[in-house]
Amino acid sequence: MAGGKAMSLVFGPAAGYAAIVDKGEQLCKASLVQIFALSTFAGCFIGFGALLSLTIGGRILPAVEAYGSGVQTWVYAALFPVNLLFILLSGSILFTGATFTTPSAVIEGRATILRSFLVIFVAWIGNLVGGWGFAIFTELCGLNEDAVAVYVVKVAVSKTTKGWGKIFLRGIGCNWLVCMAVFLCTLAQDMTGKYVGIFFPISTFVACGFEHYPANAYALPLATLALNKEKYKVPDAPNFGNMLWENLIPASLGNLFAGVVIMSMGFSFFFGGLKTGQCLKKKQEAPEAPQQPPEQEMPKLTAVADWQKDSAAAANVQPQADWRDSIAGNNEGFARTVSC
């Protein structure tokens, strides 16, 4: 029996970095209105996952009393990653992911520093708007009550009493893992693989207590709404101004450092321009890479094999040797379904 050519469900890290760069380039070419809308959606999706974790985690107090707070932490960490699945597979944009993808495009000469900054900044605003909006929606639904309200107030107090330095460092640890989740999701080409790639980094950062700006941009507004009710007030409760200064700003700066310095510059040194000394130079055509006819648009990754087969049959020519050739030549289209 003749066997066909096996196709891996997981790409290698060099191909994954090429996909990240391509996505960063596409984000920098998108309108800022679109970036804002997609990041607002992402803020809402974060709210779904956080509310799920707060709802279940806040209602297991008997187990917490019997076995310790680790049970509550584990439940929260196990449930929270569902939001990143929504975000990455829907094309929504997180501030944290944008700090990885768009600087990578800048380093490889495929976007400008100014445009990358604008995308990151607009994503930051959009995530906050989405987080606040979903917090208000949660309140109007009557879901910010009882165990949920008590739990989120407890979380808010903890997040605003650590000090700037610790929150900044925890922000670095968080986005290191979040960007790894984005990267691993990019490498996997089936739904199961994508969720596995998302689940472990995200549950790790939650369980360890690292600080994620987009998640806090929902949890802290929800705590603010709960603290406006007399029965949930606690001594020396923070207001939203305290939450912004003591948590959201240092967490954002830590997330930014991890995305730009550790992930973008690190992976460029491993697989891109920082390794070859070609960083920040305008991208040139690679003459050795096979080129597609200008009138044809490179199809989505999932359709590459069928498209190449049909095109080769119609033109009576041999198909390209491998999809990796397209990546090496930086042909457009490979990673446009990769989200951040």
C-alpha atoms as a PDB file:
ATOM      1  CA  MET A   1       0.000   0.000   0.000  1.00  0.00           C
ATOM      2  CA  ALA A   2       1.426   3.350  -1.008  1.00  0.00           C
ATOM      3  CA  GLY A   3       1.567   5.937   1.733  1.00  0.00           C
ATOM      4  CA  GLY A   4       0.937   9.643   1.360  1.00  0.00           C
ATOM      5  CA  LYS A   5       3.086  12.421   2.683  1.00  0.00           C
ATOM      6  CA  ALA A   6       2.466  12.989   6.381  1.00  0.00           C
ATOM      7  CA  MET A   7       1.548  16.504   7.456  1.00  0.00           C
ATOM      8  CA  SER A   8       2.505  17.641  10.937  1.00  0.00           C
ATOM      9  CA  LEU A   9      -0.166  19.230  13.139  1.00  0.00           C
ATOM     10  CA  VAL A  10       2.511  21.336  14.818  1.00  0.00           C
ATOM     11  CA  PHE A  11       4.873  23.691  13.020  1.00  0.00           C
ATOM     12  CA  GLY A  12       8.432  24.347  14.151  1.00  0.00           C
ATOM     13  CA  PRO A  13       9.485  27.433  16.112  1.00  0.00           C
ATOM     14  CA  ALA A  14      11.088  29.203  13.138  1.00  0.00           C
ATOM     15  CA  ALA A  15       7.860  28.899  11.136  1.00  0.00           C
ATOM     16  CA  GLY A  16       5.922  30.014  14.200  1.00  0.00           C
ATOM     17  CA  TYR A  17       8.033  33.145  14.523  1.00  0.00           C
ATOM     18  CA  ALA A  18       7.481  33.880  10.821  1.00  0.00           C
ATOM     19  CA  ALA A  19       3.749  33.668  11.517  1.00  0.00           C
ATOM     20  CA  ILE A  20       4.022  36.043  14.472  1.00  0.00           C
ATOM     21  CA  VAL A  21       5.907  38.567  12.318  1.00  0.00           C
ATOM     22  CA  ASP A  22       3.313  38.293   9.570  1.00  0.00           C
ATOM     23  CA  LYS A  23       0.498  38.855  12.050  1.00  0.00           C
ATOM     24  CA  GLY A  24       2.267  41.869  13.495  1.00  0.00           C
ATOM     25  CA  GLU A  25       2.600  43.322  10.014  1.00  0.00           C
ATOM     26  CA  GLN A  26      -1.107  42.830   9.332  1.00  0.00           C
ATOM     27  CA  LEU A  27      -2.055  44.472  12.635  1.00  0.00           C
ATOM     28  CA  CYS A  28       0.098  47.470  11.803  1.00  0.00           C
ATOM     29  CA  LYS A  29      -1.642  47.774   8.431  1.00  0.00           C
ATOM     30  CA  ALA A  30      -5.141  47.579   9.942  1.00  0.00           C
ATOM     31  CA  SER A  31      -7.120  50.699  10.794  1.00  0.00           C
ATOM     32  CA  LEU A  32      -6.979  51.889  14.382  1.00  0.00           C
ATOM     33  CA  VAL A  33     -10.778  51.796  14.500  1.00  0.00           C
ATOM     34  CA  GLN A  34     -10.651  48.088  13.710  1.00  0.00           C
ATOM     35  CA  ILE A  35      -7.903  47.570  16.305  1.00  0.00           C
ATOM     36  CA  PHE A  36     -10.042  49.338  18.918  1.00  0.00           C
ATOM     37  CA  ALA A  37     -13.135  47.281  18.087  1.00  0.00           C
ATOM     38  CA  LEU A  38     -11.265  43.969  18.172  1.00  0.00           C
ATOM     39  CA  SER A  39      -9.526  44.849  21.444  1.00  0.00           C
ATOM     40  CA  THR A  40     -12.851  45.873  22.991  1.00  0.00           C
ATOM     41  CA  PHE A  41     -14.236  42.475  22.042  1.00  0.00           C
ATOM     42  CA  ALA A  42     -11.160  40.873  23.622  1.00  0.00           C
ATOM     43  CA  GLY A  43     -11.824  42.766  26.861  1.00  0.00           C
ATOM     44  CA  CYS A  44     -15.329  41.324  26.915  1.00  0.00           C
ATOM     45  CA  PHE A  45     -14.082  37.796  26.216  1.00  0.00           C
ATOM     46  CA  ILE A  46     -11.651  38.168  29.120  1.00  0.00           C
ATOM     47  CA  GLY A  47     -14.694  39.015  31.231  1.00  0.00           C
ATOM     48  CA  PHE A  48     -16.439  35.769  30.308  1.00  0.00           C
ATOM     49  CA  GLY A  49     -13.515  33.644  31.466  1.00  0.00           C
ATOM     50  CA  ALA A  50     -12.872  35.698  34.597  1.00  0.00           C
ATOM     51  CA  LEU A  51     -16.552  35.639  35.564  1.00  0.00           C
ATOM     52  CA  LEU A  52     -16.610  31.871  35.130  1.00  0.00           C
ATOM     53  CA  SER A  53     -13.588  31.545  37.419  1.00  0.00           C
ATOM     54  CA  LEU A  54     -15.025  33.966  39.995  1.00  0.00           C
ATOM     55  CA  THR A  55     -18.398  32.240  39.974  1.00  0.00           C
ATOM     56  CA  ILE A  56     -17.072  28.730  40.526  1.00  0.00           C
ATOM     57  CA  GLY A  57     -14.100  29.729  42.649  1.00  0.00           C
ATOM     58  CA  GLY A  58     -16.220  31.910  44.924  1.00  0.00           C
ATOM     59  CA  ARG A  59     -18.701  29.134  45.622  1.00  0.00           C
ATOM     60  CA  ILE A  60     -16.351  26.460  46.928  1.00  0.00           C
ATOM     61  CA  LEU A  61     -15.702  27.978  50.350  1.00  0.00           C
ATOM     62  CA  PRO A  62     -16.434  24.655  52.155  1.00  0.00           C
ATOM     63  CA  ALA A  63     -13.671  23.011  50.112  1.00  0.00           C
ATOM     64  CA  VAL A  64     -11.359  25.955  50.808  1.00  0.00           C
ATOM     65  CA  GLU A  65     -12.005  25.674  54.535  1.00  0.00           C
ATOM     66  CA  ALA A  66     -11.380  21.932  54.410  1.00  0.00           C
ATOM     67  CA  TYR A  67      -8.370  21.763  52.102  1.00  0.00           C
ATOM     68  CA  GLY A  68      -6.915  25.282  52.023  1.00  0.00           C
ATOM     69  CA  SER A  69      -6.908  28.189  49.573  1.00  0.00           C
ATOM     70  CA  GLY A  70      -4.958  26.194  47.006  1.00  0.00           C
ATOM     71  CA  VAL A  71      -8.213  24.554  45.940  1.00  0.00           C
ATOM     72  CA  GLN A  72      -9.714  27.941  45.051  1.00  0.00           C
ATOM     73  CA  THR A  73      -6.566  28.987  43.215  1.00  0.00           C
ATOM     74  CA  TRP A  74      -6.482  25.747  41.227  1.00  0.00           C
ATOM     75  CA  VAL A  75     -10.141  26.051  40.193  1.00  0.00           C
ATOM     76  CA  TYR A  76      -9.652  29.679  39.114  1.00  0.00           C
ATOM     77  CA  ALA A  77      -6.526  28.775  37.129  1.00  0.00           C
ATOM     78  CA  ALA A  78      -8.166  25.761  35.461  1.00  0.00           C
ATOM     79  CA  LEU A  79     -11.212  27.706  34.262  1.00  0.00           C
ATOM     80  CA  PHE A  80      -9.644  31.027  33.265  1.00  0.00           C
ATOM     81  CA  PRO A  81      -7.903  29.920  30.001  1.00  0.00           C
ATOM     82  CA  VAL A  82     -11.235  29.583  28.184  1.00  0.00           C
ATOM     83  CA  ASN A  83     -11.175  33.329  27.500  1.00  0.00           C
ATOM     84  CA  LEU A  84      -7.921  33.183  25.545  1.00  0.00           C
ATOM     85  CA  LEU A  85      -9.381  30.424  23.386  1.00  0.00           C
ATOM     86  CA  PHE A  86     -12.224  32.794  22.469  1.00  0.00           C
ATOM     87  CA  ILE A  87      -9.790  35.614  21.767  1.00  0.00           C
ATOM     88  CA  LEU A  88      -7.143  33.795  19.752  1.00  0.00           C
ATOM     89  CA  LEU A  89      -9.578  31.914  17.541  1.00  0.00           C
ATOM     90  CA  SER A  90     -11.920  34.853  16.940  1.00  0.00           C
ATOM     91  CA  GLY A  91      -9.247  37.303  15.778  1.00  0.00           C
ATOM     92  CA  SER A  92      -9.680  39.616  18.763  1.00  0.00           C
ATOM     93  CA  ILE A  93      -6.702  41.585  20.070  1.00  0.00           C
ATOM     94  CA  LEU A  94      -5.163  41.722  23.511  1.00  0.00           C
ATOM     95  CA  PHE A  95      -2.723  44.412  24.561  1.00  0.00           C
ATOM     96  CA  THR A  96      -0.440  41.653  25.823  1.00  0.00           C
ATOM     97  CA  GLY A  97      -0.311  39.796  22.509  1.00  0.00           C
ATOM     98  CA  ALA A  98       0.166  43.015  20.553  1.00  0.00           C
ATOM     99  CA  THR A  99       3.344  43.712  22.542  1.00  0.00           C
ATOM    100  CA  PHE A 100       4.770  40.543  20.975  1.00  0.00           C
ATOM    101  CA  THR A 101       3.474  40.554  17.405  1.00  0.00           C
ATOM    102  CA  THR A 102       3.870  44.197  16.347  1.00  0.00           C
ATOM    103  CA  PRO A 103       7.382  44.739  17.781  1.00  0.00           C
ATOM    104  CA  SER A 104       8.422  41.534  16.016  1.00  0.00           C
ATOM    105  CA  ALA A 105       7.255  43.064  12.750  1.00  0.00           C
ATOM    106  CA  VAL A 106       9.217  46.232  13.562  1.00  0.00           C
ATOM    107  CA  ILE A 107      12.408  44.301  14.301  1.00  0.00           C
ATOM    108  CA  GLU A 108      12.104  42.427  10.999  1.00  0.00           C
ATOM    109  CA  GLY A 109      11.633  45.672   9.056  1.00  0.00           C
ATOM    110  CA  ARG A 110       7.969  45.107   8.187  1.00  0.00           C
ATOM    111  CA  ALA A 111       6.370  47.847  10.316  1.00  0.00           C
ATOM    112  CA  THR A 112       7.320  51.172  11.865  1.00  0.00           C
ATOM    113  CA  ILE A 113       7.907  51.855  15.549  1.00  0.00           C
ATOM    114  CA  LEU A 114       5.208  54.538  15.549  1.00  0.00           C
ATOM    115  CA  ARG A 115       2.582  52.250  14.078  1.00  0.00           C
ATOM    116  CA  SER A 116       3.462  49.492  16.519  1.00  0.00           C
ATOM    117  CA  PHE A 117       3.129  51.935  19.421  1.00  0.00           C
ATOM    118  CA  LEU A 118      -0.269  53.114  18.174  1.00  0.00           C
ATOM    119  CA  VAL A 119      -1.575  49.553  17.846  1.00  0.00           C
ATOM    120  CA  ILE A 120      -0.380  48.668  21.348  1.00  0.00           C
ATOM    121  CA  PHE A 121      -1.814  51.850  22.856  1.00  0.00           C
ATOM    122  CA  VAL A 122      -5.190  51.491  21.149  1.00  0.00           C
ATOM    123  CA  ALA A 123      -5.347  47.840  22.226  1.00  0.00           C
ATOM    124  CA  TRP A 124      -4.656  48.952  25.816  1.00  0.00           C
ATOM    125  CA  ILE A 125      -7.551  51.408  25.685  1.00  0.00           C
ATOM    126  CA  GLY A 126      -9.846  48.909  23.966  1.00  0.00           C
ATOM    127  CA  ASN A 127      -9.172  46.191  26.543  1.00  0.00           C
ATOM    128  CA  LEU A 128      -9.996  48.638  29.348  1.00  0.00           C
ATOM    129  CA  VAL A 129     -13.197  49.762  27.629  1.00  0.00           C
ATOM    130  CA  GLY A 130     -14.195  46.137  27.042  1.00  0.00           C
ATOM    131  CA  GLY A 131     -13.357  45.200  30.626  1.00  0.00           C
ATOM    132  CA  TRP A 132     -15.369  48.066  32.091  1.00  0.00           C
ATOM    133  CA  GLY A 133     -18.230  47.420  29.695  1.00  0.00           C
ATOM    134  CA  PHE A 134     -18.436  43.747  30.585  1.00  0.00           C
ATOM    135  CA  ALA A 135     -18.151  44.577  34.294  1.00  0.00           C
ATOM    136  CA  ILE A 136     -21.188  46.864  33.953  1.00  0.00           C
ATOM    137  CA  PHE A 137     -22.964  44.129  31.987  1.00  0.00           C
ATOM    138  CA  THR A 138     -22.177  41.654  34.792  1.00  0.00           C
ATOM    139  CA  GLU A 139     -23.583  44.100  37.335  1.00  0.00           C
ATOM    140  CA  LEU A 140     -26.766  44.675  35.335  1.00  0.00           C
ATOM    141  CA  CYS A 141     -27.237  40.907  35.055  1.00  0.00           C
ATOM    142  CA  GLY A 142     -27.235  40.672  38.850  1.00  0.00           C
ATOM    143  CA  LEU A 143     -24.211  38.363  38.770  1.00  0.00           C
ATOM    144  CA  ASN A 144     -21.921  40.591  40.841  1.00  0.00           C
ATOM    145  CA  GLU A 145     -23.450  39.458  44.114  1.00  0.00           C
ATOM    146  CA  ASP A 146     -22.811  37.175  47.080  1.00  0.00           C
ATOM    147  CA  ALA A 147     -19.815  34.869  46.653  1.00  0.00           C
ATOM    148  CA  VAL A 148     -18.733  36.487  43.364  1.00  0.00           C
ATOM    149  CA  ALA A 149     -18.689  39.995  44.843  1.00  0.00           C
ATOM    150  CA  VAL A 150     -16.900  38.866  47.996  1.00  0.00           C
ATOM    151  CA  TYR A 151     -14.282  37.002  45.972  1.00  0.00           C
ATOM    152  CA  VAL A 152     -13.610  39.819  43.500  1.00  0.00           C
ATOM    153  CA  VAL A 153     -13.238  42.357  46.324  1.00  0.00           C
ATOM    154  CA  LYS A 154     -10.734  40.032  47.973  1.00  0.00           C
ATOM    155  CA  VAL A 155      -8.849  39.783  44.682  1.00  0.00           C
ATOM    156  CA  ALA A 156      -8.839  43.574  44.220  1.00  0.00           C
ATOM    157  CA  VAL A 157      -7.467  44.232  47.696  1.00  0.00           C
ATOM    158  CA  SER A 158      -4.708  41.685  47.115  1.00  0.00           C
ATOM    159  CA  LYS A 159      -3.783  43.188  43.746  1.00  0.00           C
ATOM    160  CA  THR A 160      -3.498  46.758  45.076  1.00  0.00           C
ATOM    161  CA  THR A 161      -1.400  46.111  48.176  1.00  0.00           C
ATOM    162  CA  LYS A 162       1.674  44.421  46.696  1.00  0.00           C
ATOM    163  CA  GLY A 163       3.634  47.528  45.713  1.00  0.00           C
ATOM    164  CA  TRP A 164       4.711  48.869  42.327  1.00  0.00           C
ATOM    165  CA  GLY A 165       7.897  46.846  42.020  1.00  0.00           C
ATOM    166  CA  LYS A 166       6.295  43.475  42.672  1.00  0.00           C
ATOM    167  CA  ILE A 167       3.373  44.179  40.338  1.00  0.00           C
ATOM    168  CA  PHE A 168       5.804  45.235  37.579  1.00  0.00           C
ATOM    169  CA  LEU A 169       7.847  42.054  37.963  1.00  0.00           C
ATOM    170  CA  ARG A 170       4.719  39.913  38.113  1.00  0.00           C
ATOM    171  CA  GLY A 171       3.589  41.625  34.917  1.00  0.00           C
ATOM    172  CA  ILE A 172       6.796  40.457  33.239  1.00  0.00           C
ATOM    173  CA  GLY A 173       6.241  36.875  34.352  1.00  0.00           C
ATOM    174  CA  CYS A 174       2.638  36.991  33.205  1.00  0.00           C
ATOM    175  CA  ASN A 175       3.167  38.200  29.668  1.00  0.00           C
ATOM    176  CA  TRP A 176       6.116  35.909  29.164  1.00  0.00           C
ATOM    177  CA  LEU A 177       3.630  33.075  29.633  1.00  0.00           C
ATOM    178  CA  VAL A 178       0.757  34.741  27.763  1.00  0.00           C
ATOM    179  CA  CYS A 179       2.963  35.334  24.723  1.00  0.00           C
ATOM    180  CA  MET A 180       4.099  31.726  24.919  1.00  0.00           C
ATOM    181  CA  ALA A 181       0.417  30.753  24.800  1.00  0.00           C
ATOM    182  CA  VAL A 182       0.015  32.899  21.669  1.00  0.00           C
ATOM    183  CA  PHE A 183       3.121  31.312  20.174  1.00  0.00           C
ATOM    184  CA  LEU A 184       2.119  27.722  20.984  1.00  0.00           C
ATOM    185  CA  CYS A 185      -1.404  28.335  19.662  1.00  0.00           C
ATOM    186  CA  THR A 186       0.193  29.574  16.446  1.00  0.00           C
ATOM    187  CA  LEU A 187       2.265  26.404  16.099  1.00  0.00           C
ATOM    188  CA  ALA A 188      -0.711  24.056  16.566  1.00  0.00           C
ATOM    189  CA  GLN A 189      -2.994  23.548  13.566  1.00  0.00           C
ATOM    190  CA  ASP A 190      -5.909  21.706  15.157  1.00  0.00           C
ATOM    191  CA  MET A 191      -8.387  22.799  17.821  1.00  0.00           C
ATOM    192  CA  THR A 192      -7.145  20.370  20.467  1.00  0.00           C
ATOM    193  CA  GLY A 193      -3.539  21.381  19.985  1.00  0.00           C
ATOM    194  CA  LYS A 194      -4.407  25.061  20.135  1.00  0.00           C
ATOM    195  CA  TYR A 195      -6.269  24.670  23.414  1.00  0.00           C
ATOM    196  CA  VAL A 196      -3.477  22.601  24.957  1.00  0.00           C
ATOM    197  CA  GLY A 197      -1.032  25.318  23.903  1.00  0.00           C
ATOM    198  CA  ILE A 198      -3.244  27.927  25.522  1.00  0.00           C
ATOM    199  CA  PHE A 199      -4.226  26.052  28.673  1.00  0.00           C
ATOM    200  CA  PHE A 200      -0.903  25.310  30.312  1.00  0.00           C
ATOM    201  CA  PRO A 201       0.801  28.744  30.040  1.00  0.00           C
ATOM    202  CA  ILE A 202      -2.384  30.593  31.053  1.00  0.00           C
ATOM    203  CA  SER A 203      -3.269  28.339  33.977  1.00  0.00           C
ATOM    204  CA  THR A 204       0.362  28.586  35.104  1.00  0.00           C
ATOM    205  CA  PHE A 205       0.401  32.389  35.244  1.00  0.00           C
ATOM    206  CA  VAL A 206      -2.946  32.477  37.064  1.00  0.00           C
ATOM    207  CA  ALA A 207      -1.954  29.870  39.646  1.00  0.00           C
ATOM    208  CA  CYS A 208       1.424  31.516  40.249  1.00  0.00           C
ATOM    209  CA  GLY A 209      -0.146  34.928  40.865  1.00  0.00           C
ATOM    210  CA  PHE A 210       1.359  36.886  37.982  1.00  0.00           C
ATOM    211  CA  GLU A 211      -0.349  40.093  36.837  1.00  0.00           C
ATOM    212  CA  HIS A 212      -2.236  40.317  33.528  1.00  0.00           C
ATOM    213  CA  TYR A 213      -3.404  43.796  32.557  1.00  0.00           C
ATOM    214  CA  PRO A 214      -6.399  42.732  30.409  1.00  0.00           C
ATOM    215  CA  ALA A 215      -7.710  40.382  33.124  1.00  0.00           C
ATOM    216  CA  ASN A 216      -7.289  43.061  35.778  1.00  0.00           C
ATOM    217  CA  ALA A 217      -9.026  45.560  33.483  1.00  0.00           C
ATOM    218  CA  TYR A 218     -12.172  43.483  34.062  1.00  0.00           C
ATOM    219  CA  ALA A 219     -11.721  42.229  37.629  1.00  0.00           C
ATOM    220  CA  LEU A 220     -10.835  45.597  39.158  1.00  0.00           C
ATOM    221  CA  PRO A 221     -13.794  47.492  37.628  1.00  0.00           C
ATOM    222  CA  LEU A 222     -16.054  44.656  38.790  1.00  0.00           C
ATOM    223  CA  ALA A 223     -14.612  45.043  42.302  1.00  0.00           C
ATOM    224  CA  THR A 224     -15.204  48.809  42.095  1.00  0.00           C
ATOM    225  CA  LEU A 225     -18.878  48.197  41.368  1.00  0.00           C
ATOM    226  CA  ALA A 226     -19.120  45.684  44.223  1.00  0.00           C
ATOM    227  CA  LEU A 227     -17.464  48.090  46.670  1.00  0.00           C
ATOM    228  CA  ASN A 228     -20.170  50.663  45.927  1.00  0.00           C
ATOM    229  CA  LYS A 229     -22.593  48.367  47.748  1.00  0.00           C
ATOM    230  CA  GLU A 230     -22.655  48.706  51.510  1.00  0.00           C
ATOM    231  CA  LYS A 231     -22.578  44.988  52.284  1.00  0.00           C
ATOM    232  CA  TYR A 232     -19.376  44.394  50.325  1.00  0.00           C
ATOM    233  CA  LYS A 233     -17.349  47.341  51.624  1.00  0.00           C
ATOM    234  CA  VAL A 234     -14.134  46.534  53.455  1.00  0.00           C
ATOM    235  CA  PRO A 235     -11.813  48.742  55.546  1.00  0.00           C
ATOM    236  CA  ASP A 236      -9.353  50.789  53.462  1.00  0.00           C
ATOM    237  CA  ALA A 237     -10.934  49.552  50.245  1.00  0.00           C
ATOM    238  CA  PRO A 238      -9.192  50.889  47.116  1.00  0.00           C
ATOM    239  CA  ASN A 239     -11.030  53.109  44.660  1.00  0.00           C
ATOM    240  CA  PHE A 240     -10.503  52.797  40.922  1.00  0.00           C
ATOM    241  CA  GLY A 241      -7.817  55.503  40.952  1.00  0.00           C
ATOM    242  CA  ASN A 242      -5.810  53.409  43.420  1.00  0.00           C
ATOM    243  CA  MET A 243      -6.380  50.330  41.292  1.00  0.00           C
ATOM    244  CA  LEU A 244      -5.137  52.140  38.190  1.00  0.00           C
ATOM    245  CA  TRP A 245      -1.967  53.439  39.822  1.00  0.00           C
ATOM    246  CA  GLU A 246      -1.164  50.491  42.080  1.00  0.00           C
ATOM    247  CA  ASN A 247      -1.929  47.717  39.603  1.00  0.00           C
ATOM    248  CA  LEU A 248      -3.013  48.464  36.059  1.00  0.00           C
ATOM    249  CA  ILE A 249      -0.125  50.785  35.179  1.00  0.00           C
ATOM    250  CA  PRO A 250       2.761  48.723  36.630  1.00  0.00           C
ATOM    251  CA  ALA A 251       1.202  45.501  35.337  1.00  0.00           C
ATOM    252  CA  SER A 252       0.951  47.054  31.865  1.00  0.00           C
ATOM    253  CA  LEU A 253       4.597  48.137  31.920  1.00  0.00           C
ATOM    254  CA  GLY A 254       5.683  44.678  33.034  1.00  0.00           C
ATOM    255  CA  ASN A 255       3.569  43.073  30.302  1.00  0.00           C
ATOM    256  CA  LEU A 256       5.115  45.475  27.767  1.00  0.00           C
ATOM    257  CA  PHE A 257       8.660  44.641  28.830  1.00  0.00           C
ATOM    258  CA  ALA A 258       8.047  40.910  28.525  1.00  0.00           C
ATOM    259  CA  GLY A 259       6.398  41.201  25.119  1.00  0.00           C
ATOM    260  CA  VAL A 260       8.994  43.497  23.547  1.00  0.00           C
ATOM    261  CA  VAL A 261      12.285  42.565  25.212  1.00  0.00           C
ATOM    262  CA  ILE A 262      11.909  38.913  26.173  1.00  0.00           C
ATOM    263  CA  MET A 263       9.630  37.562  23.461  1.00  0.00           C
ATOM    264  CA  SER A 264      10.054  39.803  20.384  1.00  0.00           C
ATOM    265  CA  MET A 265      13.769  40.456  20.745  1.00  0.00           C
ATOM    266  CA  GLY A 266      14.440  36.970  22.069  1.00  0.00           C
ATOM    267  CA  PHE A 267      12.739  35.139  19.206  1.00  0.00           C
ATOM    268  CA  SER A 268      14.260  37.520  16.658  1.00  0.00           C
ATOM    269  CA  PHE A 269      17.686  36.634  18.044  1.00  0.00           C
ATOM    270  CA  PHE A 270      16.855  32.930  17.758  1.00  0.00           C
ATOM    271  CA  PHE A 271      15.175  32.941  14.340  1.00  0.00           C
ATOM    272  CA  GLY A 272      15.107  36.448  12.819  1.00  0.00           C
ATOM    273  CA  GLY A 273      16.878  39.698  12.118  1.00  0.00           C
ATOM    274  CA  LEU A 274      18.703  40.055  15.437  1.00  0.00           C
ATOM    275  CA  LYS A 275      20.445  36.765  14.679  1.00  0.00           C
ATOM    276  CA  THR A 276      21.585  37.821  11.208  1.00  0.00           C
ATOM    277  CA  GLY A 277      22.112  41.512  11.891  1.00  0.00           C
ATOM    278  CA  GLN A 278      19.365  42.489   9.432  1.00  0.00           C
ATOM    279  CA  CYS A 279      16.955  43.906  12.040  1.00  0.00           C
ATOM    280  CA  LEU A 280      15.060  47.151  11.382  1.00  0.00           C
ATOM    281  CA  LYS A 281      15.971  47.074   7.698  1.00  0.00           C
ATOM    282  CA  LYS A 282      13.267  47.313   5.069  1.00  0.00           C
ATOM    283  CA  LYS A 283      12.295  43.815   3.997  1.00  0.00           C
ATOM    284  CA  GLN A 284      13.686  42.798   0.619  1.00  0.00           C
ATOM    285  CA  GLU A 285      12.338  40.186  -1.726  1.00  0.00           C
ATOM    286  CA  ALA A 286      14.067  36.835  -1.353  1.00  0.00           C
ATOM    287  CA  PRO A 287      15.023  35.862  -4.926  1.00  0.00           C
ATOM    288  CA  GLU A 288      15.439  32.190  -4.095  1.00  0.00           C
ATOM    289  CA  ALA A 289      11.883  31.810  -2.826  1.00  0.00           C
ATOM    290  CA  PRO A 290       9.146  30.728  -5.268  1.00  0.00           C
ATOM    291  CA  GLN A 291       6.793  33.573  -6.066  1.00  0.00           C
ATOM    292  CA  GLN A 292       3.030  33.356  -6.578  1.00  0.00           C
ATOM    293  CA  PRO A 293       1.497  34.998  -9.651  1.00  0.00           C
ATOM    294  CA  PRO A 294       0.677  38.613  -8.720  1.00  0.00           C
ATOM    295  CA  GLU A 295      -2.995  38.254  -9.556  1.00  0.00           C
ATOM    296  CA  GLN A 296      -3.459  35.361  -7.121  1.00  0.00           C
ATOM    297  CA  GLU A 297      -3.800  35.868  -3.383  1.00  0.00           C
ATOM    298  CA  MET A 298      -2.064  33.401  -1.102  1.00  0.00           C
ATOM    299  CA  PRO A 299      -4.826  31.314   0.457  1.00  0.00           C
ATOM    300  CA  LYS A 300      -5.333  30.638   4.136  1.00  0.00           C
ATOM    301  CA  LEU A 301      -3.051  28.040   5.657  1.00  0.00           C
ATOM    302  CA  THR A 302      -5.712  25.356   5.946  1.00  0.00           C
ATOM    303  CA  ALA A 303      -6.298  25.476   2.204  1.00  0.00           C
ATOM    304  CA  VAL A 304      -2.674  25.669   1.035  1.00  0.00           C
ATOM    305  CA  ALA A 305      -2.301  22.017   0.060  1.00  0.00           C
ATOM    306  CA  ASP A 306      -5.536  21.793  -1.952  1.00  0.00           C
ATOM    307  CA  TRP A 307      -4.935  25.145  -3.617  1.00  0.00           C
ATOM    308  CA  GLN A 308      -1.425  24.203  -4.679  1.00  0.00           C
ATOM    309  CA  LYS A 309      -2.610  20.891  -6.064  1.00  0.00           C
ATOM    310  CA  ASP A 310      -5.412  22.465  -8.105  1.00  0.00           C
ATOM    311  CA  SER A 311      -3.191  25.307  -9.338  1.00  0.00           C
ATOM    312  CA  ALA A 312      -0.471  22.871 -10.422  1.00  0.00           C
ATOM    313  CA  ALA A 313      -2.938  20.706 -12.316  1.00  0.00           C
ATOM    314  CA  ALA A 314      -4.469  23.691 -14.101  1.00  0.00           C
ATOM    315  CA  ALA A 315      -1.116  25.146 -15.114  1.00  0.00           C
ATOM    316  CA  ASN A 316       0.504  21.749 -15.804  1.00  0.00           C
ATOM    317  CA  VAL A 317       3.435  22.604 -13.551  1.00  0.00           C
ATOM    318  CA  GLN A 318       4.907  21.018 -10.471  1.00  0.00           C
ATOM    319  CA  PRO A 319       3.547  22.248  -7.110  1.00  0.00           C
ATOM    320  CA  GLN A 320       5.808  24.030  -4.672  1.00  0.00           C
ATOM    321  CA  ALA A 321       7.951  21.662  -2.660  1.00  0.00           C
ATOM    322  CA  ASP A 322       6.662  22.654   0.744  1.00  0.00           C
ATOM    323  CA  TRP A 323       4.611  25.331   2.484  1.00  0.00           C
ATOM    324  CA  ARG A 324       7.757  26.253   4.435  1.00  0.00           C
ATOM    325  CA  ASP A 325       9.215  27.668   1.219  1.00  0.00           C
ATOM    326  CA  SER A 326       6.532  30.326   1.267  1.00  0.00           C
ATOM    327  CA  ILE A 327       7.427  31.271   4.796  1.00  0.00           C
ATOM    328  CA  ALA A 328      11.116  31.462   3.962  1.00  0.00           C
ATOM    329  CA  GLY A 329      10.256  33.822   1.126  1.00  0.00           C
ATOM    330  CA  ASN A 330       7.991  35.850   3.386  1.00  0.00           C
ATOM    331  CA  ASN A 331       5.053  35.497   1.018  1.00  0.00           C
ATOM    332  CA  GLU A 332       1.989  37.210   2.379  1.00  0.00           C
ATOM    333  CA  GLY A 333      -0.923  35.303   3.787  1.00  0.00           C
ATOM    334  CA  PHE A 334       0.642  32.523   5.835  1.00  0.00           C
ATOM    335  CA  ALA A 335      -0.310  33.728   9.299  1.00  0.00           C
ATOM    336  CA  ARG A 336      -3.236  36.043   8.889  1.00  0.00           C
ATOM    337  CA  THR A 337      -5.444  33.762  10.917  1.00  0.00           C
ATOM    338  CA  VAL A 338      -3.055  34.009  13.876  1.00  0.00           C
ATOM    339  CA  SER A 339      -4.520  36.292  16.525  1.00  0.00           C
ATOM    340  CA  CYS A 340      -3.056  37.909  19.555  1.00  0.00           C
END
